[in-house]
Amino acid sequence: MQLLYSGYQAWTDMLTPARIAARMALQMRNGMGPVADWAMPRRMFALMDVFQGAELTHVRPAYDIHTVLCGNAEVAVREEVLLDLPFGGLLHFAKDDVETPQPRVLVVAPMSGHFATLLRSTVQTLLRDHDVYITDWKNARDVPASAGRFGFEDYVDYVIRFFQNMGPGAHLLSVCQPCVPALAAVAVMSEDNDPATPRSMTLMGGPIDTRAAPTVVNELANEKSIEWFEKNLISTVPMRYPGAGRQVYPGFLQLSAFMAMNLERHGAQHRELYQLLADGKTVEADHIKSFYEEYFAVLDMTKEFYLETVDRVFQRTLLARGELMHRGRLVNPGAIRKTALLTVEGERDDICAVGQTAAAHLLCTGLRPHLKRHHLQPGVGHYGVFSGRKWENQVYPQVRNMILAVN
């Protein structure tokens, strides 16, 4: 599969002139006057808009969080990179005009084919009452081969280092795939009596134990051997990029897998987008366009991290079995005694089904009952756990109350 990436790039390059032409035509629309609002031109422009927008990008979108409502005041937000490491940085959403110090929260974002900006709405909601930081992962194809490898244990090390940079008294919130390395990081820090060990950890829709309720994602991960994954899904970054020669699991493959799971839904969304644009309903259309602009921004993962995650998390479920190792020693969640635990699951989650995340409570045997909470959110799928109205109005209060209780 070494030529897979080059083939994808050739196909993308072939479509580029057509997309440029579509964008130029859309720019000319404003100079057409009333004719642009006739039914036929609107349909043509709608088709061009949908076509030019259905393009994968490989650059992290902007967070675009400039202000947030804290209490009754609109407060300015600025981004600060506190730690810049080869494969990711510690990004701080700083607020200067908040009189009372707010609890510090590190959002541990997935490295699963998308940038951390996929959690934009999660961060924006948290910013109302918290001092928010995030693991801002980099696209592996942009990391020079000289930077070395980045595997599962490196991810754990990055989380630990970020907390040490933040200092004592912070909190952790992890979404989806990184719940396993995040829990492992807290266990290691707890066993080491690290003063920067977080006061609480919120694990949301994560595969702590995929055996609890296997989904299609889990079944696919177990259908093939790890050797099959390496042979068929790993490709080499082309020479035109900074990470030339690095072996990666391309983001476009991960996106293809996600879309294949809900192909009918994505097709319906694009048909609806076309119709909204053709009908001149630009505000409604912008909601769909914004989602896909983010969804189509893909991130490549290093070969090591992808294969080790498939092997350790989805195939052998090592953390749940008590067999996960980190730097030569056994990861022991039972060593966590002071970090409060909140798990959150979505009733309709078809990626991390109900029971997979709650399994963390069985592993954290050293926590007293009052330091453990679980929230099952009715009526939401995977993304509804951390974005949308039910996240803001029903899930977030649970997160905020847990943090306040132990801060």
Protein backbone atom coordinates (compact mmCIF):
# COMPACT_ATOMS: atom_id res chain seq x y z
CA MET A 1 0.00 0.00 0.00
CA GLN A 2 3.00 2.29 -0.29
CA LEU A 3 1.53 3.99 -3.40
CA LEU A 4 -1.87 4.56 -1.79
CA TYR A 5 -1.07 8.08 -0.63
CA SER A 6 0.45 9.04 -3.98
CA GLY A 7 -2.63 7.75 -5.79
CA TYR A 8 -4.92 9.75 -3.51
CA GLN A 9 -2.79 12.86 -4.07
CA ALA A 10 -2.90 12.40 -7.85
CA TRP A 11 -6.70 12.13 -7.76
CA THR A 12 -6.93 15.27 -5.60
CA ASP A 13 -4.63 17.19 -7.93
CA MET A 14 -6.72 16.14 -10.92
CA LEU A 15 -9.87 17.62 -9.36
CA THR A 16 -8.19 20.84 -8.23
CA PRO A 17 -8.69 22.82 -11.51
CA ALA A 18 -12.43 22.00 -11.49
CA ARG A 19 -12.76 23.13 -7.88
CA ILE A 20 -10.88 26.36 -8.61
CA ALA A 21 -13.22 27.01 -11.54
CA ALA A 22 -16.26 26.40 -9.32
CA ARG A 23 -14.96 28.85 -6.71
CA MET A 24 -14.28 31.49 -9.33
CA ALA A 25 -17.80 31.08 -10.70
CA LEU A 26 -19.23 31.47 -7.19
CA GLN A 27 -17.25 34.70 -6.75
CA MET A 28 -18.67 36.05 -10.02
CA ARG A 29 -22.22 35.47 -8.78
CA ASN A 30 -22.32 38.77 -6.91
CA GLY A 31 -21.81 40.68 -10.15
CA MET A 32 -24.70 39.07 -11.96
CA GLY A 33 -27.38 41.18 -10.36
CA PRO A 34 -31.00 39.87 -10.29
CA VAL A 35 -30.13 37.10 -12.75
CA ALA A 36 -28.24 35.26 -9.97
CA ASP A 37 -31.56 34.78 -8.15
CA TRP A 38 -33.32 33.11 -11.04
CA ALA A 39 -34.13 29.45 -10.41
CA MET A 40 -31.74 27.93 -12.97
CA PRO A 41 -28.64 29.96 -11.99
CA ARG A 42 -29.37 29.26 -8.31
CA ARG A 43 -29.39 25.51 -9.01
CA MET A 44 -26.14 25.74 -10.97
CA PHE A 45 -24.42 27.74 -8.23
CA ALA A 46 -25.78 25.36 -5.59
CA LEU A 47 -24.24 22.42 -7.46
CA MET A 48 -20.89 24.25 -7.73
CA ASP A 49 -20.99 25.14 -4.03
CA VAL A 50 -21.60 21.54 -2.96
CA PHE A 51 -18.87 20.26 -5.32
CA GLN A 52 -16.17 22.71 -4.24
CA GLY A 53 -16.99 22.11 -0.58
CA ALA A 54 -16.70 18.32 -0.84
CA GLU A 55 -12.92 18.49 -0.60
CA LEU A 56 -10.62 17.04 2.00
CA THR A 57 -8.18 19.46 3.57
CA HIS A 58 -5.18 18.62 5.71
CA VAL A 59 -4.71 21.87 7.60
CA ARG A 60 -6.07 22.45 11.09
CA PRO A 61 -9.11 24.79 10.93
CA ALA A 62 -9.19 27.82 13.20
CA TYR A 63 -10.90 27.46 16.57
CA ASP A 64 -12.55 30.86 15.98
CA ILE A 65 -13.32 31.35 19.66
CA HIS A 66 -12.81 35.06 20.22
CA THR A 67 -15.24 35.83 23.05
CA VAL A 68 -17.22 33.87 25.63
CA LEU A 69 -20.01 34.80 28.04
CA CYS A 70 -18.75 34.42 31.62
CA GLY A 71 -21.60 35.25 33.96
CA ASN A 72 -23.09 38.43 32.55
CA ALA A 73 -19.94 39.66 30.85
CA GLU A 74 -18.61 39.04 27.36
CA VAL A 75 -14.93 38.17 27.82
CA ALA A 76 -12.23 38.17 25.14
CA VAL A 77 -10.44 34.88 24.46
CA ARG A 78 -6.95 34.54 22.98
CA GLU A 79 -4.92 31.45 22.15
CA GLU A 80 -1.54 30.79 23.77
CA VAL A 81 0.76 27.89 22.90
CA LEU A 82 2.30 26.96 26.24
CA LEU A 83 4.23 23.94 25.05
CA ASP A 84 5.10 23.08 21.46
CA LEU A 85 6.24 19.50 20.98
CA PRO A 86 6.90 17.71 17.67
CA PHE A 87 3.55 15.91 17.49
CA GLY A 88 1.30 18.29 19.40
CA GLY A 89 1.10 21.37 21.55
CA LEU A 90 -0.52 22.47 24.78
CA LEU A 91 -2.90 25.23 23.73
CA HIS A 92 -4.43 27.61 26.28
CA PHE A 93 -7.59 29.64 25.69
CA ALA A 94 -6.61 32.56 27.86
CA LYS A 95 -9.11 35.07 29.32
CA ASP A 96 -7.72 38.26 30.83
CA ASP A 97 -10.83 39.86 32.31
CA VAL A 98 -12.00 37.13 34.70
CA GLU A 99 -11.80 38.38 38.28
CA THR A 100 -12.25 35.06 40.09
CA PRO A 101 -9.83 32.24 39.15
CA GLN A 102 -11.62 29.40 37.37
CA PRO A 103 -10.85 25.66 37.54
CA ARG A 104 -8.23 24.64 34.99
CA VAL A 105 -9.31 21.89 32.60
CA LEU A 106 -7.21 20.01 30.06
CA VAL A 107 -9.31 18.70 27.18
CA VAL A 108 -7.59 15.57 25.89
CA ALA A 109 -8.63 15.46 22.23
CA PRO A 110 -8.76 12.38 20.01
CA MET A 111 -6.02 11.60 17.54
CA SER A 112 -8.32 9.65 15.26
CA GLY A 113 -8.30 11.28 11.86
CA HIS A 114 -9.51 14.77 12.76
CA PHE A 115 -7.93 17.80 14.37
CA ALA A 116 -8.69 18.84 17.95
CA THR A 117 -10.89 21.60 16.51
CA LEU A 118 -13.59 18.94 16.22
CA LEU A 119 -14.10 19.72 19.93
CA ARG A 120 -14.62 23.44 19.31
CA SER A 121 -18.13 23.48 20.79
CA THR A 122 -16.93 21.42 23.77
CA VAL A 123 -14.25 24.01 24.49
CA GLN A 124 -16.59 26.94 23.92
CA THR A 125 -19.08 25.60 26.47
CA LEU A 126 -16.38 24.78 29.02
CA LEU A 127 -14.96 28.30 28.73
CA ARG A 128 -18.01 29.79 30.45
CA ASP A 129 -16.88 28.50 33.84
CA HIS A 130 -13.38 27.12 33.33
CA ASP A 131 -9.83 27.99 32.35
CA VAL A 132 -9.47 25.68 29.33
CA TYR A 133 -6.44 24.00 27.74
CA ILE A 134 -6.40 21.43 24.92
CA THR A 135 -4.06 18.86 23.40
CA ASP A 136 -3.62 20.36 19.93
CA TRP A 137 -2.35 17.43 17.85
CA LYS A 138 -0.38 17.95 14.64
CA ASN A 139 -0.85 16.25 11.28
CA ALA A 140 1.76 13.48 11.10
CA ARG A 141 2.44 14.18 7.44
CA ASP A 142 3.76 17.60 8.47
CA VAL A 143 6.15 16.23 11.12
CA PRO A 144 9.64 15.54 9.71
CA ALA A 145 10.84 11.96 9.92
CA SER A 146 13.78 13.26 11.97
CA ALA A 147 11.34 13.86 14.87
CA GLY A 148 11.21 10.09 15.38
CA ARG A 149 8.32 7.84 16.27
CA PHE A 150 5.09 8.63 18.11
CA GLY A 151 3.25 5.68 19.59
CA PHE A 152 0.64 4.91 22.23
CA GLU A 153 3.07 5.32 25.11
CA ASP A 154 4.25 8.65 23.69
CA TYR A 155 0.64 9.84 23.76
CA VAL A 156 0.49 8.94 27.47
CA ASP A 157 3.77 10.79 28.05
CA TYR A 158 2.46 13.88 26.27
CA VAL A 159 -0.63 13.98 28.51
CA ILE A 160 1.54 13.66 31.62
CA ARG A 161 3.90 16.37 30.42
CA PHE A 162 1.02 18.72 29.64
CA PHE A 163 -0.34 18.33 33.17
CA GLN A 164 3.10 18.89 34.65
CA ASN A 165 3.35 22.08 32.60
CA MET A 166 -0.05 23.23 33.91
CA GLY A 167 0.87 22.46 37.51
CA PRO A 168 -1.13 21.06 40.44
CA GLY A 169 -4.89 21.36 40.76
CA ALA A 170 -6.02 20.88 37.15
CA HIS A 171 -8.80 18.64 35.82
CA LEU A 172 -9.01 16.26 32.85
CA LEU A 173 -11.76 15.87 30.26
CA SER A 174 -11.22 13.26 27.56
CA VAL A 175 -13.42 12.51 24.56
CA CYS A 176 -13.62 9.19 22.69
CA GLN A 177 -10.46 7.28 21.72
CA PRO A 178 -7.98 8.98 24.13
CA CYS A 179 -9.97 7.92 27.21
CA VAL A 180 -7.71 4.86 27.47
CA PRO A 181 -4.32 6.67 27.32
CA ALA A 182 -5.78 9.48 29.48
CA LEU A 183 -6.80 7.02 32.18
CA ALA A 184 -3.40 5.36 31.87
CA ALA A 185 -1.67 8.75 32.33
CA VAL A 186 -3.66 9.47 35.51
CA ALA A 187 -2.85 6.00 36.84
CA VAL A 188 0.88 6.48 36.23
CA MET A 189 0.85 9.94 37.81
CA SER A 190 -1.13 8.66 40.81
CA GLU A 191 1.28 5.79 41.42
CA ASP A 192 4.19 8.24 41.21
CA ASN A 193 2.48 10.68 43.61
CA ASP A 194 2.99 13.35 40.96
CA PRO A 195 1.81 16.71 42.38
CA ALA A 196 0.33 17.56 38.97
CA THR A 197 -2.07 14.58 39.05
CA PRO A 198 -5.49 15.97 38.05
CA ARG A 199 -8.18 16.40 40.70
CA SER A 200 -10.87 14.92 38.48
CA MET A 201 -11.14 13.07 35.19
CA THR A 202 -14.18 13.07 32.96
CA LEU A 203 -14.21 10.27 30.38
CA MET A 204 -16.77 10.76 27.60
CA GLY A 205 -17.75 8.12 25.06
CA GLY A 206 -14.44 6.27 25.27
CA PRO A 207 -13.49 2.61 24.59
CA ILE A 208 -12.29 1.68 28.07
CA ASP A 209 -13.55 -1.88 27.57
CA THR A 210 -14.93 -2.62 24.10
CA ARG A 211 -15.95 -6.11 25.25
CA ALA A 212 -18.75 -4.59 27.34
CA ALA A 213 -20.86 -3.73 24.27
CA PRO A 214 -19.13 -4.33 20.92
CA THR A 215 -20.12 -2.05 18.03
CA VAL A 216 -19.49 -2.23 14.29
CA VAL A 217 -16.26 -0.30 14.86
CA ASN A 218 -15.06 -2.91 17.35
CA GLU A 219 -16.06 -5.81 15.13
CA LEU A 220 -14.17 -4.34 12.18
CA ALA A 221 -11.08 -3.90 14.34
CA ASN A 222 -11.18 -7.56 15.31
CA GLU A 223 -11.97 -9.07 11.93
CA LYS A 224 -8.37 -8.80 10.73
CA SER A 225 -4.95 -9.36 12.25
CA ILE A 226 -2.72 -6.44 13.14
CA GLU A 227 -0.45 -7.56 10.29
CA TRP A 228 -3.38 -7.08 7.88
CA PHE A 229 -3.90 -3.52 9.14
CA GLU A 230 -0.23 -2.72 8.64
CA LYS A 231 -0.12 -4.22 5.15
CA ASN A 232 -3.36 -2.69 3.84
CA LEU A 233 -3.85 0.63 5.67
CA ILE A 234 -0.38 2.06 6.22
CA SER A 235 1.10 4.30 3.54
CA THR A 236 4.11 6.55 3.04
CA VAL A 237 3.89 10.35 3.02
CA PRO A 238 4.79 11.69 -0.49
CA MET A 239 7.92 13.74 -1.03
CA ARG A 240 6.05 17.05 -1.38
CA TYR A 241 5.28 17.23 2.38
CA PRO A 242 7.51 17.98 5.41
CA GLY A 243 6.93 14.45 6.74
CA ALA A 244 8.10 12.82 3.51
CA GLY A 245 8.97 9.17 4.03
CA ARG A 246 7.09 8.84 7.32
CA GLN A 247 4.70 5.90 7.45
CA VAL A 248 1.18 6.92 8.44
CA TYR A 249 -2.42 5.84 8.61
CA PRO A 250 -3.88 8.50 6.29
CA GLY A 251 -6.72 10.64 7.57
CA PHE A 252 -8.59 10.21 4.31
CA LEU A 253 -8.86 6.46 4.99
CA GLN A 254 -10.23 7.05 8.48
CA LEU A 255 -12.76 9.54 7.13
CA SER A 256 -13.80 7.07 4.44
CA ALA A 257 -14.42 4.44 7.12
CA PHE A 258 -16.48 6.84 9.23
CA MET A 259 -18.55 7.95 6.25
CA ALA A 260 -19.12 4.37 5.08
CA MET A 261 -20.79 3.63 8.44
CA ASN A 262 -23.41 6.33 7.75
CA LEU A 263 -23.25 6.72 3.99
CA GLU A 264 -26.98 7.21 3.57
CA ARG A 265 -27.04 9.96 6.19
CA HIS A 266 -24.11 11.84 4.64
CA GLY A 267 -25.67 11.57 1.20
CA ALA A 268 -28.95 12.93 2.53
CA GLN A 269 -27.12 15.82 4.18
CA HIS A 270 -25.47 16.82 0.91
CA ARG A 271 -28.74 16.56 -0.98
CA GLU A 272 -30.34 18.77 1.66
CA LEU A 273 -27.42 21.20 1.39
CA TYR A 274 -27.92 21.45 -2.38
CA GLN A 275 -31.65 22.07 -1.97
CA LEU A 276 -31.16 24.73 0.70
CA LEU A 277 -28.65 26.57 -1.50
CA ALA A 278 -30.92 26.24 -4.55
CA ASP A 279 -33.80 27.67 -2.49
CA GLY A 280 -31.66 30.57 -1.29
CA LYS A 281 -31.77 29.45 2.37
CA THR A 282 -28.14 30.33 3.05
CA VAL A 283 -28.38 30.52 6.85
CA GLU A 284 -29.66 26.94 7.13
CA ALA A 285 -27.14 25.81 4.50
CA ASP A 286 -24.26 27.37 6.46
CA HIS A 287 -24.92 25.03 9.40
CA ILE A 288 -24.34 21.98 7.20
CA LYS A 289 -21.39 23.58 5.41
CA SER A 290 -19.69 24.45 8.70
CA PHE A 291 -19.99 20.88 9.93
CA TYR A 292 -18.46 19.40 6.78
CA GLU A 293 -15.69 21.98 6.59
CA GLU A 294 -14.58 20.61 9.96
CA TYR A 295 -15.38 16.99 9.16
CA PHE A 296 -13.40 17.07 5.91
CA ALA A 297 -10.28 18.48 7.61
CA VAL A 298 -8.33 15.26 8.17
CA LEU A 299 -5.22 14.43 10.14
CA ASP A 300 -2.79 11.60 9.45
CA MET A 301 -1.71 9.40 12.36
CA THR A 302 1.71 7.87 12.73
CA LYS A 303 1.92 4.18 11.88
CA GLU A 304 3.00 3.34 15.43
CA PHE A 305 0.17 5.15 17.18
CA TYR A 306 -2.53 3.77 14.91
CA LEU A 307 -1.40 0.14 15.01
CA GLU A 308 -0.69 0.19 18.74
CA THR A 309 -4.11 1.69 19.45
CA VAL A 310 -5.88 -0.93 17.33
CA ASP A 311 -3.88 -3.68 18.99
CA ARG A 312 -3.92 -2.53 22.64
CA VAL A 313 -7.31 -0.83 22.87
CA PHE A 314 -9.59 -2.58 20.38
CA GLN A 315 -8.14 -6.04 19.83
CA ARG A 316 -6.51 -7.07 23.12
CA THR A 317 -8.30 -4.58 25.44
CA LEU A 318 -5.18 -4.57 27.61
CA LEU A 319 -6.27 -1.85 30.08
CA ALA A 320 -9.55 -3.61 30.86
CA ARG A 321 -7.71 -6.94 31.29
CA GLY A 322 -5.16 -5.41 33.66
CA GLU A 323 -2.32 -6.05 31.21
CA LEU A 324 -1.50 -2.60 29.77
CA MET A 325 2.17 -1.69 30.11
CA HIS A 326 3.76 1.75 30.07
CA ARG A 327 7.53 2.11 29.80
CA GLY A 328 8.08 -1.37 31.20
CA ARG A 329 5.64 -1.29 34.10
CA LEU A 330 2.03 -2.34 34.55
CA VAL A 331 -0.57 0.43 34.42
CA ASN A 332 -2.59 0.18 37.63
CA PRO A 333 -5.88 2.16 37.68
CA GLY A 334 -6.34 0.93 41.26
CA ALA A 335 -3.58 3.38 42.24
CA ILE A 336 -5.96 6.27 41.52
CA ARG A 337 -7.25 7.33 44.94
CA LYS A 338 -7.68 11.11 44.85
CA THR A 339 -8.79 11.85 41.27
CA ALA A 340 -12.59 11.90 41.06
CA LEU A 341 -14.11 10.00 38.12
CA LEU A 342 -17.07 10.97 35.94
CA THR A 343 -18.01 8.80 32.97
CA VAL A 344 -20.47 9.97 30.32
CA GLU A 345 -22.16 7.82 27.68
CA GLY A 346 -24.72 8.47 24.95
CA GLU A 347 -27.77 6.22 24.76
CA ARG A 348 -27.53 5.93 20.96
CA ASP A 349 -23.74 5.91 20.60
CA ASP A 350 -22.88 3.50 17.77
CA ILE A 351 -19.13 4.06 18.08
CA CYS A 352 -18.61 3.59 21.84
CA ALA A 353 -21.76 1.86 23.03
CA VAL A 354 -23.25 2.06 26.51
CA GLY A 355 -21.07 0.18 28.97
CA GLN A 356 -17.70 0.70 27.30
CA THR A 357 -16.86 3.92 29.17
CA ALA A 358 -18.60 3.00 32.42
CA ALA A 359 -16.15 0.09 32.66
CA ALA A 360 -13.65 2.60 34.08
CA HIS A 361 -15.48 2.39 37.43
CA LEU A 362 -14.63 -1.30 37.71
CA LEU A 363 -10.95 -0.55 37.09
CA CYS A 364 -10.58 2.36 39.51
CA THR A 365 -10.91 0.21 42.62
CA GLY A 366 -9.02 2.67 44.83
CA LEU A 367 -11.66 5.40 44.53
CA ARG A 368 -14.24 5.76 47.27
CA PRO A 369 -17.88 5.78 46.12
CA HIS A 370 -18.39 9.52 46.57
CA LEU A 371 -15.61 10.15 44.04
CA LYS A 372 -17.37 8.16 41.29
CA ARG A 373 -20.24 9.32 39.09
CA HIS A 374 -21.80 8.09 35.85
CA HIS A 375 -24.12 9.93 33.48
CA LEU A 376 -26.08 8.24 30.69
CA GLN A 377 -27.43 10.87 28.31
CA PRO A 378 -30.72 9.85 26.69
CA GLY A 379 -31.38 10.55 23.03
CA VAL A 380 -27.86 11.25 21.78
CA GLY A 381 -25.33 9.45 19.63
CA HIS A 382 -21.57 9.72 19.80
CA TYR A 383 -21.22 13.37 18.82
CA GLY A 384 -24.17 14.44 20.96
CA VAL A 385 -22.19 13.49 24.06
CA PHE A 386 -19.82 16.45 23.57
CA SER A 387 -21.59 18.83 21.18
CA GLY A 388 -25.06 20.20 20.55
CA ARG A 389 -27.92 21.29 22.78
CA LYS A 390 -28.05 18.23 25.01
CA TRP A 391 -24.32 18.52 25.66
CA GLU A 392 -24.77 22.17 26.67
CA ASN A 393 -27.96 21.79 28.67
CA GLN A 394 -27.76 18.32 30.20
CA VAL A 395 -24.26 16.82 29.98
CA TYR A 396 -22.22 19.93 30.69
CA PRO A 397 -23.90 20.65 34.06
CA GLN A 398 -22.83 17.18 35.18
CA VAL A 399 -19.23 17.93 34.18
CA ARG A 400 -19.26 21.36 35.82
CA ASN A 401 -20.74 20.01 39.06
CA MET A 402 -18.13 17.26 39.32
CA ILE A 403 -15.29 19.74 38.83
CA LEU A 404 -16.75 22.17 41.36
CA ALA A 405 -17.21 19.40 43.90
CA VAL A 406 -13.52 18.52 44.01
CA ASN A 407 -11.81 21.73 42.91
